[in-house]
Amino acid sequence: MAEEMSRRPYVREETFRWIFRHPRYLRYMAREFSCLFIGAWTLVAVVGLGRLSEGQVAWEAFLASLRSPASLVFHFVGLGFALYHSITWFNLTPKALPMQVGEGFVPNAVIAGAHYLAWAIVSIGLLHFAGVL
């Protein structure tokens, strides 16, 4: 028996407009896009370590390059994306890591709150050791 063919075969849309169809998709793609800035910032940090190992003159030149307007904009945008990435991940953690205690599950707010608390403690500790606090 011959298979019947559809009169109108499905044609897949090959555009990026699907991102804008629902706000959830746009938030997801913004979160995924944030990794590019975090990766670039990591490369800047690695270059800085390399300049530090090369001596004081190279380190001073690297610090001078960080004071440029383009560098400051990059760091502020990168900080914004890092905050967005961290906040969205902490809010997703209860779905990715549900914790069962006995017959029930730990409430989502407790799991996310524990991550925010740990983030605050580590941040305060780093600021303290850096001499800011």
N, C-alpha and C. Protein backbone atom coordinates (compact mmCIF):
# COMPACT_ATOMS: atom_id res chain seq x y z
N MET A 1 0.84 -1.18 0.00
CA MET A 1 0.00 0.00 0.00
C MET A 1 0.89 1.25 0.00
N ALA A 2 0.64 2.13 -0.88
CA ALA A 2 1.46 3.34 -1.03
C ALA A 2 1.10 4.35 0.07
N GLU A 3 2.11 5.04 0.56
CA GLU A 3 1.87 6.07 1.58
C GLU A 3 1.27 7.29 0.93
N GLU A 4 0.36 7.91 1.65
CA GLU A 4 -0.24 9.13 1.14
C GLU A 4 0.67 10.30 1.46
N MET A 5 0.79 11.19 0.52
CA MET A 5 1.60 12.38 0.72
C MET A 5 0.70 13.55 1.08
N SER A 6 1.20 14.38 1.93
CA SER A 6 0.47 15.57 2.32
C SER A 6 0.46 16.54 1.15
N ARG A 7 -0.65 17.22 0.96
CA ARG A 7 -0.74 18.17 -0.12
C ARG A 7 0.08 19.43 0.16
N ARG A 8 0.18 19.79 1.46
CA ARG A 8 0.96 20.95 1.85
C ARG A 8 2.00 20.51 2.86
N PRO A 9 3.21 20.20 2.42
CA PRO A 9 4.23 19.75 3.37
C PRO A 9 4.62 20.88 4.31
N TYR A 10 5.03 20.49 5.51
CA TYR A 10 5.45 21.47 6.51
C TYR A 10 6.76 22.12 6.08
N VAL A 11 6.80 23.43 6.10
CA VAL A 11 8.01 24.17 5.78
C VAL A 11 8.46 24.87 7.05
N ARG A 12 9.62 24.51 7.51
CA ARG A 12 10.14 25.06 8.75
C ARG A 12 10.63 26.49 8.55
N GLU A 13 10.25 27.35 9.47
CA GLU A 13 10.67 28.74 9.42
C GLU A 13 12.13 28.83 9.83
N GLU A 14 12.96 29.47 9.04
CA GLU A 14 14.40 29.54 9.29
C GLU A 14 14.83 30.95 9.69
N THR A 15 14.19 31.52 10.67
CA THR A 15 14.57 32.87 11.10
C THR A 15 14.79 32.87 12.60
N PHE A 16 15.24 34.00 13.10
CA PHE A 16 15.44 34.16 14.53
C PHE A 16 14.26 34.86 15.19
N ARG A 17 13.15 35.01 14.47
CA ARG A 17 12.00 35.69 15.05
C ARG A 17 11.36 34.92 16.19
N TRP A 18 11.64 33.62 16.30
CA TRP A 18 11.04 32.83 17.38
C TRP A 18 11.43 33.39 18.73
N ILE A 19 12.58 34.06 18.83
CA ILE A 19 13.04 34.61 20.09
C ILE A 19 12.05 35.65 20.62
N PHE A 20 11.42 36.38 19.72
CA PHE A 20 10.55 37.49 20.12
C PHE A 20 9.09 37.08 20.28
N ARG A 21 8.76 35.83 20.08
CA ARG A 21 7.37 35.39 20.17
C ARG A 21 6.84 35.35 21.60
N HIS A 22 7.71 35.12 22.54
CA HIS A 22 7.28 35.03 23.93
C HIS A 22 8.38 35.65 24.80
N PRO A 23 8.01 36.45 25.81
CA PRO A 23 9.04 37.05 26.65
C PRO A 23 9.96 36.04 27.32
N ARG A 24 9.46 34.85 27.60
CA ARG A 24 10.27 33.82 28.22
C ARG A 24 11.44 33.42 27.32
N TYR A 25 11.19 33.34 26.00
CA TYR A 25 12.26 33.00 25.06
C TYR A 25 13.32 34.10 25.05
N LEU A 26 12.89 35.35 25.08
CA LEU A 26 13.83 36.47 25.06
C LEU A 26 14.68 36.48 26.32
N ARG A 27 14.06 36.21 27.47
CA ARG A 27 14.84 36.14 28.73
C ARG A 27 15.84 34.99 28.68
N TYR A 28 15.42 33.87 28.11
CA TYR A 28 16.31 32.72 27.99
C TYR A 28 17.52 33.06 27.11
N MET A 29 17.27 33.68 25.97
CA MET A 29 18.36 34.01 25.07
C MET A 29 19.27 35.09 25.64
N ALA A 30 18.69 36.04 26.40
CA ALA A 30 19.53 37.05 27.06
C ALA A 30 20.45 36.38 28.07
N ARG A 31 19.92 35.39 28.78
CA ARG A 31 20.75 34.67 29.76
C ARG A 31 21.86 33.90 29.06
N GLU A 32 21.55 33.26 27.95
CA GLU A 32 22.57 32.53 27.21
C GLU A 32 23.59 33.48 26.59
N PHE A 33 23.15 34.65 26.13
CA PHE A 33 24.04 35.65 25.54
C PHE A 33 25.00 36.21 26.58
N SER A 34 24.57 36.23 27.84
CA SER A 34 25.40 36.80 28.90
C SER A 34 26.72 36.05 29.06
N CYS A 35 26.76 34.80 28.68
CA CYS A 35 27.99 34.02 28.83
C CYS A 35 29.12 34.57 27.96
N LEU A 36 28.78 35.24 26.86
CA LEU A 36 29.82 35.83 26.02
C LEU A 36 30.56 36.94 26.75
N PHE A 37 29.83 37.78 27.48
CA PHE A 37 30.47 38.84 28.25
C PHE A 37 31.27 38.28 29.43
N ILE A 38 30.73 37.25 30.06
CA ILE A 38 31.45 36.64 31.18
C ILE A 38 32.74 35.98 30.68
N GLY A 39 32.67 35.33 29.53
CA GLY A 39 33.86 34.73 28.94
C GLY A 39 34.89 35.78 28.54
N ALA A 40 34.43 36.88 27.96
CA ALA A 40 35.35 37.96 27.58
C ALA A 40 36.00 38.58 28.81
N TRP A 41 35.21 38.76 29.88
CA TRP A 41 35.79 39.31 31.11
C TRP A 41 36.85 38.35 31.67
N THR A 42 36.59 37.06 31.58
CA THR A 42 37.57 36.08 32.04
C THR A 42 38.86 36.19 31.24
N LEU A 43 38.75 36.39 29.94
CA LEU A 43 39.95 36.57 29.12
C LEU A 43 40.71 37.83 29.52
N VAL A 44 39.99 38.90 29.83
CA VAL A 44 40.65 40.13 30.30
C VAL A 44 41.39 39.85 31.60
N ALA A 45 40.80 39.08 32.50
CA ALA A 45 41.45 38.75 33.77
C ALA A 45 42.71 37.90 33.53
N VAL A 46 42.65 36.97 32.59
CA VAL A 46 43.81 36.13 32.29
C VAL A 46 44.93 36.99 31.68
N VAL A 47 44.56 37.92 30.79
CA VAL A 47 45.56 38.82 30.21
C VAL A 47 46.18 39.67 31.33
N GLY A 48 45.35 40.13 32.27
CA GLY A 48 45.86 40.90 33.40
C GLY A 48 46.86 40.12 34.23
N LEU A 49 46.58 38.86 34.46
CA LEU A 49 47.54 38.03 35.19
C LEU A 49 48.84 37.87 34.42
N GLY A 50 48.72 37.74 33.10
CA GLY A 50 49.92 37.66 32.28
C GLY A 50 50.76 38.93 32.36
N ARG A 51 50.09 40.08 32.32
CA ARG A 51 50.81 41.36 32.43
C ARG A 51 51.43 41.54 33.81
N LEU A 52 50.74 41.05 34.82
CA LEU A 52 51.28 41.12 36.18
C LEU A 52 52.56 40.31 36.30
N SER A 53 52.60 39.17 35.62
CA SER A 53 53.80 38.32 35.67
C SER A 53 54.96 38.90 34.86
N GLU A 54 54.64 39.84 33.96
CA GLU A 54 55.69 40.43 33.12
C GLU A 54 56.41 41.59 33.80
N GLY A 55 55.87 42.05 34.91
CA GLY A 55 56.56 43.13 35.62
C GLY A 55 55.69 44.37 35.78
N GLN A 56 56.25 45.36 36.49
CA GLN A 56 55.50 46.55 36.87
C GLN A 56 55.11 47.40 35.66
N VAL A 57 55.98 47.53 34.69
CA VAL A 57 55.68 48.37 33.52
C VAL A 57 54.50 47.79 32.74
N ALA A 58 54.49 46.49 32.51
CA ALA A 58 53.39 45.84 31.79
C ALA A 58 52.10 45.93 32.59
N TRP A 59 52.21 45.78 33.91
CA TRP A 59 51.02 45.85 34.78
C TRP A 59 50.43 47.26 34.76
N GLU A 60 51.27 48.28 34.84
CA GLU A 60 50.79 49.67 34.80
C GLU A 60 50.12 49.99 33.46
N ALA A 61 50.67 49.48 32.37
CA ALA A 61 50.06 49.68 31.05
C ALA A 61 48.70 48.99 30.98
N PHE A 62 48.61 47.81 31.56
CA PHE A 62 47.33 47.10 31.58
C PHE A 62 46.30 47.88 32.40
N LEU A 63 46.70 48.39 33.55
CA LEU A 63 45.78 49.18 34.37
C LEU A 63 45.34 50.45 33.65
N ALA A 64 46.25 51.07 32.91
CA ALA A 64 45.89 52.26 32.13
C ALA A 64 44.86 51.92 31.06
N SER A 65 44.99 50.75 30.44
CA SER A 65 44.01 50.35 29.42
C SER A 65 42.64 50.09 30.03
N LEU A 66 42.61 49.67 31.29
CA LEU A 66 41.33 49.43 31.96
C LEU A 66 40.60 50.73 32.29
N ARG A 67 41.31 51.86 32.28
CA ARG A 67 40.70 53.15 32.60
C ARG A 67 40.08 53.82 31.38
N SER A 68 40.19 53.21 30.22
CA SER A 68 39.63 53.82 29.01
C SER A 68 38.10 53.76 29.07
N PRO A 69 37.42 54.70 28.40
CA PRO A 69 35.95 54.69 28.39
C PRO A 69 35.36 53.39 27.85
N ALA A 70 35.96 52.84 26.80
CA ALA A 70 35.45 51.58 26.24
C ALA A 70 35.55 50.45 27.25
N SER A 71 36.65 50.41 27.99
CA SER A 71 36.83 49.38 29.00
C SER A 71 35.82 49.53 30.13
N LEU A 72 35.59 50.77 30.54
CA LEU A 72 34.61 51.00 31.61
C LEU A 72 33.21 50.58 31.17
N VAL A 73 32.83 50.92 29.95
CA VAL A 73 31.52 50.51 29.43
C VAL A 73 31.43 48.99 29.38
N PHE A 74 32.49 48.35 28.87
CA PHE A 74 32.52 46.88 28.81
C PHE A 74 32.33 46.28 30.19
N HIS A 75 33.02 46.81 31.19
CA HIS A 75 32.93 46.24 32.53
C HIS A 75 31.55 46.47 33.15
N PHE A 76 30.94 47.62 32.91
CA PHE A 76 29.59 47.86 33.45
C PHE A 76 28.55 46.97 32.76
N VAL A 77 28.67 46.82 31.44
CA VAL A 77 27.75 45.93 30.72
C VAL A 77 27.97 44.48 31.17
N GLY A 78 29.24 44.10 31.30
CA GLY A 78 29.55 42.75 31.77
C GLY A 78 29.03 42.49 33.17
N LEU A 79 29.14 43.50 34.05
CA LEU A 79 28.60 43.36 35.41
C LEU A 79 27.09 43.17 35.36
N GLY A 80 26.42 43.94 34.52
CA GLY A 80 24.97 43.79 34.38
C GLY A 80 24.59 42.40 33.92
N PHE A 81 25.29 41.89 32.90
CA PHE A 81 25.00 40.54 32.42
C PHE A 81 25.35 39.48 33.48
N ALA A 82 26.42 39.68 34.22
CA ALA A 82 26.78 38.72 35.27
C ALA A 82 25.72 38.70 36.36
N LEU A 83 25.21 39.87 36.74
CA LEU A 83 24.14 39.92 37.74
C LEU A 83 22.88 39.24 37.21
N TYR A 84 22.51 39.55 35.96
CA TYR A 84 21.33 38.93 35.36
C TYR A 84 21.48 37.41 35.31
N HIS A 85 22.65 36.95 34.89
CA HIS A 85 22.92 35.52 34.79
C HIS A 85 22.81 34.85 36.17
N SER A 86 23.41 35.47 37.18
CA SER A 86 23.39 34.90 38.53
C SER A 86 21.98 34.88 39.10
N ILE A 87 21.25 35.96 38.96
CA ILE A 87 19.89 36.04 39.51
C ILE A 87 18.98 35.03 38.84
N THR A 88 19.04 34.94 37.51
CA THR A 88 18.17 33.97 36.83
C THR A 88 18.56 32.54 37.18
N TRP A 89 19.86 32.29 37.37
CA TRP A 89 20.26 30.93 37.74
C TRP A 89 19.79 30.59 39.14
N PHE A 90 19.94 31.50 40.07
CA PHE A 90 19.49 31.22 41.44
C PHE A 90 17.98 31.01 41.48
N ASN A 91 17.24 31.73 40.64
CA ASN A 91 15.79 31.53 40.59
C ASN A 91 15.42 30.20 39.93
N LEU A 92 16.28 29.68 39.07
CA LEU A 92 16.02 28.39 38.42
C LEU A 92 16.50 27.20 39.25
N THR A 93 17.35 27.44 40.22
CA THR A 93 17.95 26.35 41.00
C THR A 93 16.92 25.41 41.62
N PRO A 94 15.82 25.90 42.20
CA PRO A 94 14.86 24.96 42.78
C PRO A 94 14.27 23.99 41.75
N LYS A 95 14.18 24.41 40.50
CA LYS A 95 13.66 23.51 39.46
C LYS A 95 14.73 22.51 39.02
N ALA A 96 16.00 22.96 39.01
CA ALA A 96 17.09 22.09 38.59
C ALA A 96 17.54 21.15 39.70
N LEU A 97 17.35 21.57 40.95
CA LEU A 97 17.85 20.81 42.09
C LEU A 97 16.78 20.75 43.19
N PRO A 98 15.68 20.04 42.95
CA PRO A 98 14.68 19.93 44.02
C PRO A 98 15.22 19.07 45.16
N MET A 99 15.01 19.52 46.37
CA MET A 99 15.51 18.79 47.54
C MET A 99 14.34 18.16 48.29
N GLN A 100 14.41 16.85 48.43
CA GLN A 100 13.36 16.13 49.13
C GLN A 100 13.82 15.85 50.55
N VAL A 101 12.95 16.19 51.51
CA VAL A 101 13.20 15.91 52.92
C VAL A 101 11.99 15.10 53.40
N GLY A 102 12.23 13.84 53.68
CA GLY A 102 11.12 12.98 54.06
C GLY A 102 10.21 12.77 52.87
N GLU A 103 8.92 13.02 53.07
CA GLU A 103 7.94 12.86 52.00
C GLU A 103 7.75 14.14 51.19
N GLY A 104 8.15 15.27 51.73
CA GLY A 104 7.92 16.54 51.04
C GLY A 104 9.19 17.13 50.47
N PHE A 105 9.02 18.23 49.79
CA PHE A 105 10.15 18.93 49.19
C PHE A 105 10.38 20.25 49.90
N VAL A 106 11.64 20.66 49.93
CA VAL A 106 11.99 21.96 50.50
C VAL A 106 11.37 23.03 49.61
N PRO A 107 10.75 24.04 50.19
CA PRO A 107 10.13 25.10 49.37
C PRO A 107 11.15 25.79 48.46
N ASN A 108 10.67 26.19 47.29
CA ASN A 108 11.55 26.84 46.31
C ASN A 108 12.22 28.09 46.87
N ALA A 109 11.48 28.87 47.65
CA ALA A 109 12.03 30.11 48.21
C ALA A 109 13.20 29.82 49.15
N VAL A 110 13.16 28.72 49.85
CA VAL A 110 14.25 28.37 50.77
C VAL A 110 15.52 28.02 49.98
N ILE A 111 15.36 27.24 48.91
CA ILE A 111 16.51 26.85 48.10
C ILE A 111 17.14 28.08 47.45
N ALA A 112 16.32 28.90 46.79
CA ALA A 112 16.85 30.10 46.14
C ALA A 112 17.42 31.06 47.19
N GLY A 113 16.74 31.21 48.31
CA GLY A 113 17.21 32.10 49.37
C GLY A 113 18.56 31.67 49.92
N ALA A 114 18.78 30.36 50.03
CA ALA A 114 20.07 29.87 50.52
C ALA A 114 21.19 30.24 49.54
N HIS A 115 20.89 30.19 48.26
CA HIS A 115 21.90 30.58 47.27
C HIS A 115 22.19 32.08 47.35
N TYR A 116 21.15 32.89 47.49
CA TYR A 116 21.36 34.34 47.63
C TYR A 116 22.15 34.65 48.90
N LEU A 117 21.86 33.96 49.97
CA LEU A 117 22.58 34.18 51.22
C LEU A 117 24.05 33.81 51.07
N ALA A 118 24.33 32.67 50.45
CA ALA A 118 25.72 32.27 50.22
C ALA A 118 26.43 33.29 49.33
N TRP A 119 25.74 33.79 48.32
CA TRP A 119 26.30 34.80 47.41
C TRP A 119 26.65 36.07 48.20
N ALA A 120 25.76 36.49 49.08
CA ALA A 120 26.01 37.69 49.89
C ALA A 120 27.19 37.48 50.83
N ILE A 121 27.26 36.32 51.47
CA ILE A 121 28.36 36.04 52.41
C ILE A 121 29.70 36.02 51.68
N VAL A 122 29.76 35.35 50.54
CA VAL A 122 31.01 35.29 49.78
C VAL A 122 31.39 36.69 49.28
N SER A 123 30.41 37.47 48.81
CA SER A 123 30.69 38.82 48.33
C SER A 123 31.22 39.71 49.45
N ILE A 124 30.59 39.65 50.62
CA ILE A 124 31.05 40.45 51.76
C ILE A 124 32.45 40.01 52.17
N GLY A 125 32.71 38.71 52.18
CA GLY A 125 34.03 38.21 52.53
C GLY A 125 35.10 38.70 51.55
N LEU A 126 34.79 38.66 50.25
CA LEU A 126 35.74 39.13 49.25
C LEU A 126 36.00 40.64 49.40
N LEU A 127 34.93 41.40 49.63
CA LEU A 127 35.09 42.84 49.81
C LEU A 127 35.91 43.14 51.07
N HIS A 128 35.71 42.34 52.10
CA HIS A 128 36.49 42.52 53.33
C HIS A 128 37.98 42.26 53.09
N PHE A 129 38.28 41.14 52.42
CA PHE A 129 39.68 40.80 52.16
C PHE A 129 40.33 41.76 51.17
N ALA A 130 39.51 42.40 50.31
CA ALA A 130 40.05 43.38 49.37
C ALA A 130 40.28 44.72 50.03
N GLY A 131 39.81 44.89 51.26
CA GLY A 131 40.01 46.14 51.97
C GLY A 131 38.93 47.17 51.73
N VAL A 132 37.85 46.80 51.05
CA VAL A 132 36.77 47.75 50.79
C VAL A 132 35.89 47.91 52.03
N LEU A 133 35.64 46.84 52.72
CA LEU A 133 34.83 46.89 53.95
C LEU A 133 35.70 46.79 55.18
